[in-house]
């Protein structure tokens, strides 16, 4: 059995019931169940539709995300999340670079790295090197003035944790940011890279080993082993090339507002919904969300 979920951005126009009914009828689905009136709906299917991606493309043109997932085991016991452009709306290193006056150069490197066009470790070292001499106090300034949470993140965390879920934030970014974001949202743990500071300024170096694509897979394996659960019990979310390993390894990997080259390699793609879409995909109705 499979379940099809259709959803829109919370602040967009309502989801058209006629679209839902026409698709449900064409695919021979069960009666529709509205998870959130006008925003999210689901119905069950006997088999995966052969034309899923053609229909997905048509739905995208209407501002609608279409997801089809196995019905069994939809509700996960662990959330494994990227931070930059996933749990927050920015790339932290790009914001630090703006403060250092090298914003455009660093943003170009970041874009190439997140698309998988540059080696992540080399790209990180190059970008951090451009921050040499920046006062470490700028980290707090960036956190307070430039960083905003991705909509729906607090609700996602609160709802999964209310059901006994574990939440881990694993980033190719920096501990100075993950620690703060994890505390704000209620993550149980966080892992990231370390910016080296000496005499109150950034040295332009990053601690080793560097956490990249494999480190996120390792985190999934280590944490699930500790919790005595399996990879199938994990929902992972990210947007960049260095997230692909964990997205493919997790029981449910979600590409959220991802780079096109990344989204193309993922079965679950959210381009319009916010982070609460991860709850709808797991079958949680809006009435059961936790504040």
C-alpha atoms as a PDB file:
ATOM      1  CA  UNK A   1       0.000   0.000   0.000  1.00  0.00           C
ATOM      2  CA  UNK A   2       1.041   3.566  -0.711  1.00  0.00           C
ATOM      3  CA  UNK A   3      -0.270   6.948   0.407  1.00  0.00           C
ATOM      4  CA  UNK A   4      -0.402  10.020  -1.806  1.00  0.00           C
ATOM      5  CA  UNK A   5      -0.145  13.406  -0.094  1.00  0.00           C
ATOM      6  CA  UNK A   6      -0.907  16.735  -1.760  1.00  0.00           C
ATOM      7  CA  UNK A   7      -0.056  19.979   0.019  1.00  0.00           C
ATOM      8  CA  UNK A   8       0.498  23.658  -0.593  1.00  0.00           C
ATOM      9  CA  UNK A   9       2.308  26.480   1.163  1.00  0.00           C
ATOM     10  CA  UNK A  10       0.321  27.493   4.274  1.00  0.00           C
ATOM     11  CA  UNK A  11      -0.028  31.098   3.063  1.00  0.00           C
ATOM     12  CA  UNK A  12      -0.961  30.284  -0.537  1.00  0.00           C
ATOM     13  CA  UNK A  13      -4.419  29.818  -2.017  1.00  0.00           C
ATOM     14  CA  UNK A  14      -6.429  26.773  -0.921  1.00  0.00           C
ATOM     15  CA  UNK A  15      -5.805  23.348  -2.406  1.00  0.00           C
ATOM     16  CA  UNK A  16      -8.437  22.727  -5.089  1.00  0.00           C
ATOM     17  CA  UNK A  17     -10.719  19.807  -4.064  1.00  0.00           C
ATOM     18  CA  UNK A  18     -11.446  19.079  -7.732  1.00  0.00           C
ATOM     19  CA  UNK A  19      -7.728  18.458  -8.331  1.00  0.00           C
ATOM     20  CA  UNK A  20      -7.681  16.045  -5.410  1.00  0.00           C
ATOM     21  CA  UNK A  21     -10.779  14.188  -6.576  1.00  0.00           C
ATOM     22  CA  UNK A  22      -9.688  13.918 -10.194  1.00  0.00           C
ATOM     23  CA  UNK A  23      -6.309  12.529  -9.189  1.00  0.00           C
ATOM     24  CA  UNK A  24      -7.800  10.176  -6.626  1.00  0.00           C
ATOM     25  CA  UNK A  25     -10.263   8.821  -9.203  1.00  0.00           C
ATOM     26  CA  UNK A  26      -7.611   8.459 -11.912  1.00  0.00           C
ATOM     27  CA  UNK A  27      -5.355   6.494  -9.576  1.00  0.00           C
ATOM     28  CA  UNK A  28      -8.141   4.472  -7.956  1.00  0.00           C
ATOM     29  CA  UNK A  29      -7.414   5.870  -4.533  1.00  0.00           C
ATOM     30  CA  UNK A  30      -9.364   5.562  -1.290  1.00  0.00           C
ATOM     31  CA  UNK A  31     -11.617   8.419  -0.120  1.00  0.00           C
ATOM     32  CA  UNK A  32      -9.584  11.550   0.569  1.00  0.00           C
ATOM     33  CA  UNK A  33      -8.651  12.434   4.146  1.00  0.00           C
ATOM     34  CA  UNK A  34      -8.003  16.143   4.733  1.00  0.00           C
ATOM     35  CA  UNK A  35      -5.064  16.630   7.084  1.00  0.00           C
ATOM     36  CA  UNK A  36      -5.541  20.414   7.012  1.00  0.00           C
ATOM     37  CA  UNK A  37      -8.532  22.036   5.271  1.00  0.00           C
ATOM     38  CA  UNK A  38      -7.373  23.690   2.068  1.00  0.00           C
ATOM     39  CA  UNK A  39      -3.726  22.874   2.752  1.00  0.00           C
ATOM     40  CA  UNK A  40      -2.990  19.151   2.916  1.00  0.00           C
ATOM     41  CA  UNK A  41      -4.841  15.965   1.956  1.00  0.00           C
ATOM     42  CA  UNK A  42      -4.027  12.281   1.550  1.00  0.00           C
ATOM     43  CA  UNK A  43      -5.482   9.097   0.083  1.00  0.00           C
ATOM     44  CA  UNK A  44      -4.313   5.498  -0.132  1.00  0.00           C
ATOM     45  CA  UNK A  45      -3.267   3.578  -3.248  1.00  0.00           C
ATOM     46  CA  UNK A  46      -2.841  -0.097  -4.011  1.00  0.00           C
ATOM     47  CA  UNK A  47       0.291   0.472  -6.125  1.00  0.00           C
ATOM     48  CA  UNK A  48       2.782   3.172  -7.051  1.00  0.00           C
ATOM     49  CA  UNK A  49       1.376   5.010 -10.114  1.00  0.00           C
ATOM     50  CA  UNK A  50       3.431   4.645 -13.292  1.00  0.00           C
ATOM     51  CA  UNK A  51       2.880   8.298 -14.199  1.00  0.00           C
ATOM     52  CA  UNK A  52       3.738   9.711 -10.780  1.00  0.00           C
ATOM     53  CA  UNK A  53       6.448  12.095 -11.974  1.00  0.00           C
ATOM     54  CA  UNK A  54       4.392  13.383 -14.902  1.00  0.00           C
ATOM     55  CA  UNK A  55       1.576  14.193 -12.484  1.00  0.00           C
ATOM     56  CA  UNK A  56       4.076  15.646 -10.031  1.00  0.00           C
ATOM     57  CA  UNK A  57       5.286  18.047 -12.716  1.00  0.00           C
ATOM     58  CA  UNK A  58       1.729  19.155 -13.458  1.00  0.00           C
ATOM     59  CA  UNK A  59       1.066  19.715  -9.753  1.00  0.00           C
ATOM     60  CA  UNK A  60       4.228  21.787  -9.435  1.00  0.00           C
ATOM     61  CA  UNK A  61       2.880  24.162 -12.067  1.00  0.00           C
ATOM     62  CA  UNK A  62      -0.140  24.677  -9.779  1.00  0.00           C
ATOM     63  CA  UNK A  63       1.965  25.339  -6.679  1.00  0.00           C
ATOM     64  CA  UNK A  64       1.190  21.920  -5.213  1.00  0.00           C
ATOM     65  CA  UNK A  65       3.617  19.362  -3.794  1.00  0.00           C
ATOM     66  CA  UNK A  66       2.745  15.722  -4.529  1.00  0.00           C
ATOM     67  CA  UNK A  67       4.372  12.973  -2.482  1.00  0.00           C
ATOM     68  CA  UNK A  68       3.758   9.229  -2.689  1.00  0.00           C
ATOM     69  CA  UNK A  69       5.205   7.111   0.113  1.00  0.00           C
ATOM     70  CA  UNK A  70       4.749   3.572   1.448  1.00  0.00           C
ATOM     71  CA  UNK A  71       1.829   3.536   3.884  1.00  0.00           C
ATOM     72  CA  UNK A  72       3.461   1.265   6.433  1.00  0.00           C
ATOM     73  CA  UNK A  73       5.772   2.840   8.987  1.00  0.00           C
ATOM     74  CA  UNK A  74       5.131   6.436   7.935  1.00  0.00           C
ATOM     75  CA  UNK A  75       5.482   7.934  11.407  1.00  0.00           C
ATOM     76  CA  UNK A  76       9.172   8.101  12.233  1.00  0.00           C
ATOM     77  CA  UNK A  77      10.931   7.939  15.581  1.00  0.00           C
ATOM     78  CA  UNK A  78      13.826  10.270  14.777  1.00  0.00           C
ATOM     79  CA  UNK A  79      14.367  13.517  12.881  1.00  0.00           C
ATOM     80  CA  UNK A  80      17.805  14.111  11.356  1.00  0.00           C
ATOM     81  CA  UNK A  81      18.052  17.623   9.957  1.00  0.00           C
ATOM     82  CA  UNK A  82      20.469  19.827   8.096  1.00  0.00           C
ATOM     83  CA  UNK A  83      20.618  23.404   9.389  1.00  0.00           C
ATOM     84  CA  UNK A  84      21.528  25.956   6.693  1.00  0.00           C
ATOM     85  CA  UNK A  85      18.648  26.671   4.303  1.00  0.00           C
ATOM     86  CA  UNK A  86      16.704  23.903   6.059  1.00  0.00           C
ATOM     87  CA  UNK A  87      16.063  24.651   9.723  1.00  0.00           C
ATOM     88  CA  UNK A  88      17.119  28.266   9.163  1.00  0.00           C
ATOM     89  CA  UNK A  89      16.548  30.391   6.085  1.00  0.00           C
ATOM     90  CA  UNK A  90      20.181  31.394   5.554  1.00  0.00           C
ATOM     91  CA  UNK A  91      23.631  29.918   4.953  1.00  0.00           C
ATOM     92  CA  UNK A  92      25.602  30.962   8.042  1.00  0.00           C
ATOM     93  CA  UNK A  93      28.951  31.162   6.301  1.00  0.00           C
ATOM     94  CA  UNK A  94      27.458  33.471   3.671  1.00  0.00           C
ATOM     95  CA  UNK A  95      26.179  35.790   6.402  1.00  0.00           C
ATOM     96  CA  UNK A  96      29.585  35.837   8.113  1.00  0.00           C
ATOM     97  CA  UNK A  97      31.143  36.604   4.741  1.00  0.00           C
ATOM     98  CA  UNK A  98      28.858  39.609   4.318  1.00  0.00           C
ATOM     99  CA  UNK A  99      30.196  40.959   7.604  1.00  0.00           C
ATOM    100  CA  UNK A 100      33.739  40.340   6.375  1.00  0.00           C
ATOM    101  CA  UNK A 101      33.121  42.119   3.079  1.00  0.00           C
ATOM    102  CA  UNK A 102      33.581  38.991   0.932  1.00  0.00           C
ATOM    103  CA  UNK A 103      29.926  38.045   0.626  1.00  0.00           C
ATOM    104  CA  UNK A 104      29.620  37.690  -3.140  1.00  0.00           C
ATOM    105  CA  UNK A 105      32.745  35.547  -3.476  1.00  0.00           C
ATOM    106  CA  UNK A 106      31.711  33.187  -0.678  1.00  0.00           C
ATOM    107  CA  UNK A 107      28.108  32.916  -1.902  1.00  0.00           C
ATOM    108  CA  UNK A 108      29.351  31.793  -5.306  1.00  0.00           C
ATOM    109  CA  UNK A 109      31.456  29.058  -3.736  1.00  0.00           C
ATOM    110  CA  UNK A 110      28.582  27.996  -1.461  1.00  0.00           C
ATOM    111  CA  UNK A 111      26.195  27.682  -4.402  1.00  0.00           C
ATOM    112  CA  UNK A 112      28.627  25.490  -6.320  1.00  0.00           C
ATOM    113  CA  UNK A 113      29.312  23.297  -3.289  1.00  0.00           C
ATOM    114  CA  UNK A 114      25.617  22.811  -2.469  1.00  0.00           C
ATOM    115  CA  UNK A 115      24.942  21.834  -6.072  1.00  0.00           C
ATOM    116  CA  UNK A 116      27.676  19.228  -5.821  1.00  0.00           C
ATOM    117  CA  UNK A 117      29.930  21.009  -8.314  1.00  0.00           C
ATOM    118  CA  UNK A 118      32.782  21.476  -5.824  1.00  0.00           C
ATOM    119  CA  UNK A 119      34.357  19.188  -3.241  1.00  0.00           C
ATOM    120  CA  UNK A 120      32.658  20.091   0.040  1.00  0.00           C
ATOM    121  CA  UNK A 121      35.752  19.956   2.244  1.00  0.00           C
ATOM    122  CA  UNK A 122      37.860  22.020  -0.128  1.00  0.00           C
ATOM    123  CA  UNK A 123      35.080  24.547  -0.618  1.00  0.00           C
ATOM    124  CA  UNK A 124      34.622  24.880   3.147  1.00  0.00           C
ATOM    125  CA  UNK A 125      38.328  25.455   3.764  1.00  0.00           C
ATOM    126  CA  UNK A 126      38.446  28.085   1.005  1.00  0.00           C
ATOM    127  CA  UNK A 127      35.441  29.964   2.375  1.00  0.00           C
ATOM    128  CA  UNK A 128      36.603  29.849   5.990  1.00  0.00           C
ATOM    129  CA  UNK A 129      39.990  31.114   4.856  1.00  0.00           C
ATOM    130  CA  UNK A 130      38.309  34.239   3.528  1.00  0.00           C
ATOM    131  CA  UNK A 131      37.000  34.954   7.036  1.00  0.00           C
ATOM    132  CA  UNK A 132      40.481  35.235   8.554  1.00  0.00           C
ATOM    133  CA  UNK A 133      40.769  38.185  10.906  1.00  0.00           C
ATOM    134  CA  UNK A 134      37.020  38.587  11.444  1.00  0.00           C
ATOM    135  CA  UNK A 135      36.231  39.284  15.118  1.00  0.00           C
ATOM    136  CA  UNK A 136      34.603  36.247  16.735  1.00  0.00           C
ATOM    137  CA  UNK A 137      32.001  38.594  18.235  1.00  0.00           C
ATOM    138  CA  UNK A 138      30.519  38.898  14.746  1.00  0.00           C
ATOM    139  CA  UNK A 139      29.083  35.383  15.187  1.00  0.00           C
ATOM    140  CA  UNK A 140      26.697  36.705  17.860  1.00  0.00           C
ATOM    141  CA  UNK A 141      25.855  39.694  15.673  1.00  0.00           C
ATOM    142  CA  UNK A 142      24.958  37.420  12.767  1.00  0.00           C
ATOM    143  CA  UNK A 143      22.868  35.172  14.999  1.00  0.00           C
ATOM    144  CA  UNK A 144      20.936  38.099  16.390  1.00  0.00           C
ATOM    145  CA  UNK A 145      20.454  40.158  13.231  1.00  0.00           C
ATOM    146  CA  UNK A 146      20.706  37.905  10.178  1.00  0.00           C
ATOM    147  CA  UNK A 147      19.471  34.420  11.104  1.00  0.00           C
ATOM    148  CA  UNK A 148      15.783  33.514  10.917  1.00  0.00           C
ATOM    149  CA  UNK A 149      14.163  30.146  11.524  1.00  0.00           C
ATOM    150  CA  UNK A 150      12.526  28.271   8.674  1.00  0.00           C
ATOM    151  CA  UNK A 151       8.713  28.413   9.076  1.00  0.00           C
ATOM    152  CA  UNK A 152       7.228  25.306  10.636  1.00  0.00           C
ATOM    153  CA  UNK A 153      10.405  24.091  12.294  1.00  0.00           C
ATOM    154  CA  UNK A 154       9.325  24.654  15.891  1.00  0.00           C
ATOM    155  CA  UNK A 155       6.020  22.881  15.231  1.00  0.00           C
ATOM    156  CA  UNK A 156       7.781  19.961  13.560  1.00  0.00           C
ATOM    157  CA  UNK A 157      10.125  19.502  16.518  1.00  0.00           C
ATOM    158  CA  UNK A 158       7.455  19.926  19.176  1.00  0.00           C
ATOM    159  CA  UNK A 159       5.080  17.487  17.500  1.00  0.00           C
ATOM    160  CA  UNK A 160       7.615  14.742  16.875  1.00  0.00           C
ATOM    161  CA  UNK A 161       9.077  15.063  20.362  1.00  0.00           C
ATOM    162  CA  UNK A 162       5.602  14.951  21.917  1.00  0.00           C
ATOM    163  CA  UNK A 163       5.269  11.527  20.304  1.00  0.00           C
ATOM    164  CA  UNK A 164       8.565  10.372  21.756  1.00  0.00           C
ATOM    165  CA  UNK A 165      10.768  11.247  18.799  1.00  0.00           C
ATOM    166  CA  UNK A 166      14.462  12.113  18.970  1.00  0.00           C
ATOM    167  CA  UNK A 167      15.839  15.100  17.043  1.00  0.00           C
ATOM    168  CA  UNK A 168      19.406  15.606  15.837  1.00  0.00           C
ATOM    169  CA  UNK A 169      20.785  18.637  13.992  1.00  0.00           C
ATOM    170  CA  UNK A 170      23.776  17.683  11.849  1.00  0.00           C
ATOM    171  CA  UNK A 171      25.368  20.419   9.781  1.00  0.00           C
ATOM    172  CA  UNK A 172      28.333  21.079   7.549  1.00  0.00           C
ATOM    173  CA  UNK A 173      28.179  24.533   9.123  1.00  0.00           C
ATOM    174  CA  UNK A 174      29.496  25.526  12.519  1.00  0.00           C
ATOM    175  CA  UNK A 175      28.888  24.598  16.145  1.00  0.00           C
ATOM    176  CA  UNK A 176      28.594  28.260  17.125  1.00  0.00           C
ATOM    177  CA  UNK A 177      25.363  28.316  15.113  1.00  0.00           C
ATOM    178  CA  UNK A 178      24.039  24.772  15.567  1.00  0.00           C
ATOM    179  CA  UNK A 179      24.237  25.040  19.356  1.00  0.00           C
ATOM    180  CA  UNK A 180      22.039  28.149  19.346  1.00  0.00           C
ATOM    181  CA  UNK A 181      19.580  26.871  16.733  1.00  0.00           C
ATOM    182  CA  UNK A 182      19.321  23.477  18.447  1.00  0.00           C
ATOM    183  CA  UNK A 183      18.509  25.161  21.764  1.00  0.00           C
ATOM    184  CA  UNK A 184      15.922  27.443  20.178  1.00  0.00           C
ATOM    185  CA  UNK A 185      14.076  24.601  18.448  1.00  0.00           C
ATOM    186  CA  UNK A 186      14.479  21.823  20.992  1.00  0.00           C
ATOM    187  CA  UNK A 187      16.900  19.462  19.244  1.00  0.00           C
ATOM    188  CA  UNK A 188      18.272  16.749  21.506  1.00  0.00           C
ATOM    189  CA  UNK A 189      21.770  17.019  20.036  1.00  0.00           C
ATOM    190  CA  UNK A 190      23.772  18.787  17.368  1.00  0.00           C
ATOM    191  CA  UNK A 191      26.942  18.207  15.376  1.00  0.00           C
ATOM    192  CA  UNK A 192      28.852  20.584  13.114  1.00  0.00           C
ATOM    193  CA  UNK A 193      32.285  21.954  12.257  1.00  0.00           C
ATOM    194  CA  UNK A 194      34.298  24.235  14.532  1.00  0.00           C
ATOM    195  CA  UNK A 195      35.614  27.657  13.589  1.00  0.00           C
ATOM    196  CA  UNK A 196      39.070  28.174  15.108  1.00  0.00           C
ATOM    197  CA  UNK A 197      39.332  31.347  17.188  1.00  0.00           C
ATOM    198  CA  UNK A 198      42.543  32.825  18.588  1.00  0.00           C
ATOM    199  CA  UNK A 199      42.821  36.068  20.536  1.00  0.00           C
ATOM    200  CA  UNK A 200      39.204  36.882  19.762  1.00  0.00           C
ATOM    201  CA  UNK A 201      39.449  36.609  15.957  1.00  0.00           C
ATOM    202  CA  UNK A 202      38.838  33.873  13.401  1.00  0.00           C
ATOM    203  CA  UNK A 203      42.104  32.305  12.239  1.00  0.00           C
ATOM    204  CA  UNK A 204      40.733  31.264   8.863  1.00  0.00           C
ATOM    205  CA  UNK A 205      40.992  27.608   9.851  1.00  0.00           C
ATOM    206  CA  UNK A 206      38.366  24.985  10.629  1.00  0.00           C
ATOM    207  CA  UNK A 207      38.694  22.116  13.080  1.00  0.00           C
ATOM    208  CA  UNK A 208      39.336  18.595  11.815  1.00  0.00           C
ATOM    209  CA  UNK A 209      37.951  16.187  10.931  1.00  0.00           C
ATOM    210  CA  UNK A 210      35.613  18.216   8.727  1.00  0.00           C
ATOM    211  CA  UNK A 211      31.988  17.135   8.885  1.00  0.00           C
ATOM    212  CA  UNK A 212      30.622  16.725   5.388  1.00  0.00           C
ATOM    213  CA  UNK A 213      28.417  14.287   3.489  1.00  0.00           C
ATOM    214  CA  UNK A 214      29.759  11.109   5.102  1.00  0.00           C
ATOM    215  CA  UNK A 215      29.611  12.608   8.597  1.00  0.00           C
ATOM    216  CA  UNK A 216      25.844  12.979   8.235  1.00  0.00           C
ATOM    217  CA  UNK A 217      25.491   9.320   7.282  1.00  0.00           C
ATOM    218  CA  UNK A 218      27.762   8.377  10.191  1.00  0.00           C
ATOM    219  CA  UNK A 219      25.591  10.440  12.546  1.00  0.00           C
ATOM    220  CA  UNK A 220      22.499   8.584  11.373  1.00  0.00           C
ATOM    221  CA  UNK A 221      24.158   5.229  11.942  1.00  0.00           C
ATOM    222  CA  UNK A 222      25.628   6.145  15.334  1.00  0.00           C
ATOM    223  CA  UNK A 223      22.507   7.758  16.761  1.00  0.00           C
ATOM    224  CA  UNK A 224      20.107   5.052  15.588  1.00  0.00           C
ATOM    225  CA  UNK A 225      22.413   2.388  17.062  1.00  0.00           C
ATOM    226  CA  UNK A 226      22.448   4.245  20.373  1.00  0.00           C
ATOM    227  CA  UNK A 227      18.658   4.590  20.365  1.00  0.00           C
ATOM    228  CA  UNK A 228      18.269   0.968  19.252  1.00  0.00           C
ATOM    229  CA  UNK A 229      16.181   1.894  16.225  1.00  0.00           C
ATOM    230  CA  UNK A 230      16.798   1.401  12.510  1.00  0.00           C
ATOM    231  CA  UNK A 231      17.463   3.731   9.592  1.00  0.00           C
ATOM    232  CA  UNK A 232      13.895   3.025   8.484  1.00  0.00           C
ATOM    233  CA  UNK A 233      12.724   4.847  11.633  1.00  0.00           C
ATOM    234  CA  UNK A 234      14.397   8.112  10.561  1.00  0.00           C
ATOM    235  CA  UNK A 235      13.049  11.058   8.599  1.00  0.00           C
ATOM    236  CA  UNK A 236      15.916  13.171   7.260  1.00  0.00           C
ATOM    237  CA  UNK A 237      15.645  16.613   5.699  1.00  0.00           C
ATOM    238  CA  UNK A 238      18.131  18.736   3.786  1.00  0.00           C
ATOM    239  CA  UNK A 239      18.676  20.808   0.671  1.00  0.00           C
ATOM    240  CA  UNK A 240      22.262  20.388  -0.537  1.00  0.00           C
ATOM    241  CA  UNK A 241      24.494  17.820  -2.213  1.00  0.00           C
ATOM    242  CA  UNK A 242      26.191  16.983   1.085  1.00  0.00           C
ATOM    243  CA  UNK A 243      22.778  15.900   2.441  1.00  0.00           C
ATOM    244  CA  UNK A 244      22.182  13.243  -0.208  1.00  0.00           C
ATOM    245  CA  UNK A 245      23.895  10.466   1.732  1.00  0.00           C
ATOM    246  CA  UNK A 246      21.629  10.788   4.752  1.00  0.00           C
ATOM    247  CA  UNK A 247      18.546  11.438   2.610  1.00  0.00           C
ATOM    248  CA  UNK A 248      19.118   8.179   0.762  1.00  0.00           C
ATOM    249  CA  UNK A 249      19.974   6.213   3.926  1.00  0.00           C
ATOM    250  CA  UNK A 250      16.999   7.352   6.019  1.00  0.00           C
ATOM    251  CA  UNK A 251      13.667   5.577   5.884  1.00  0.00           C
ATOM    252  CA  UNK A 252      12.185   8.833   4.593  1.00  0.00           C
ATOM    253  CA  UNK A 253      14.488  11.415   3.014  1.00  0.00           C
ATOM    254  CA  UNK A 254      12.983  14.821   2.236  1.00  0.00           C
ATOM    255  CA  UNK A 255      14.540  17.354  -0.127  1.00  0.00           C
ATOM    256  CA  UNK A 256      13.199  20.665   1.205  1.00  0.00           C
ATOM    257  CA  UNK A 257      13.357  23.633  -1.187  1.00  0.00           C
ATOM    258  CA  UNK A 258      16.435  21.863  -2.502  1.00  0.00           C
ATOM    259  CA  UNK A 259      18.786  22.701  -5.310  1.00  0.00           C
ATOM    260  CA  UNK A 260      17.338  21.176  -8.533  1.00  0.00           C
ATOM    261  CA  UNK A 261      20.273  18.801  -8.966  1.00  0.00           C
ATOM    262  CA  UNK A 262      19.684  17.535  -5.420  1.00  0.00           C
ATOM    263  CA  UNK A 263      15.898  17.301  -5.614  1.00  0.00           C
ATOM    264  CA  UNK A 264      16.169  15.274  -8.825  1.00  0.00           C
ATOM    265  CA  UNK A 265      17.878  12.513  -6.814  1.00  0.00           C
ATOM    266  CA  UNK A 266      15.208  12.328  -4.103  1.00  0.00           C
ATOM    267  CA  UNK A 267      11.850  10.557  -3.973  1.00  0.00           C
ATOM    268  CA  UNK A 268      10.258  13.119  -1.638  1.00  0.00           C
ATOM    269  CA  UNK A 269      10.504  16.746  -2.711  1.00  0.00           C
ATOM    270  CA  UNK A 270       8.919  19.689  -0.898  1.00  0.00           C
ATOM    271  CA  UNK A 271       9.101  22.901  -2.912  1.00  0.00           C
ATOM    272  CA  UNK A 272       6.072  24.827  -1.622  1.00  0.00           C
ATOM    273  CA  UNK A 273       5.256  23.581   1.869  1.00  0.00           C
ATOM    274  CA  UNK A 274       7.193  24.608   4.956  1.00  0.00           C
ATOM    275  CA  UNK A 275       8.678  22.267   7.554  1.00  0.00           C
ATOM    276  CA  UNK A 276       5.224  21.191   8.753  1.00  0.00           C
ATOM    277  CA  UNK A 277       5.039  19.328   5.420  1.00  0.00           C
ATOM    278  CA  UNK A 278       7.224  16.686   7.082  1.00  0.00           C
ATOM    279  CA  UNK A 279       4.376  16.063   9.508  1.00  0.00           C
ATOM    280  CA  UNK A 280       1.783  15.764   6.753  1.00  0.00           C
ATOM    281  CA  UNK A 281       4.022  13.308   4.903  1.00  0.00           C
ATOM    282  CA  UNK A 282       4.036  11.207   8.083  1.00  0.00           C
ATOM    283  CA  UNK A 283       0.237  11.328   8.253  1.00  0.00           C
ATOM    284  CA  UNK A 284      -0.104  13.828  11.103  1.00  0.00           C
ATOM    285  CA  UNK A 285      -3.167  16.078  10.850  1.00  0.00           C
ATOM    286  CA  UNK A 286      -2.887  19.781  11.647  1.00  0.00           C
ATOM    287  CA  UNK A 287      -5.298  19.302  14.538  1.00  0.00           C
ATOM    288  CA  UNK A 288      -2.622  17.122  16.171  1.00  0.00           C
ATOM    289  CA  UNK A 289       0.258  19.564  15.767  1.00  0.00           C
ATOM    290  CA  UNK A 290       1.916  20.764  18.968  1.00  0.00           C
ATOM    291  CA  UNK A 291       2.730  24.428  19.495  1.00  0.00           C
END
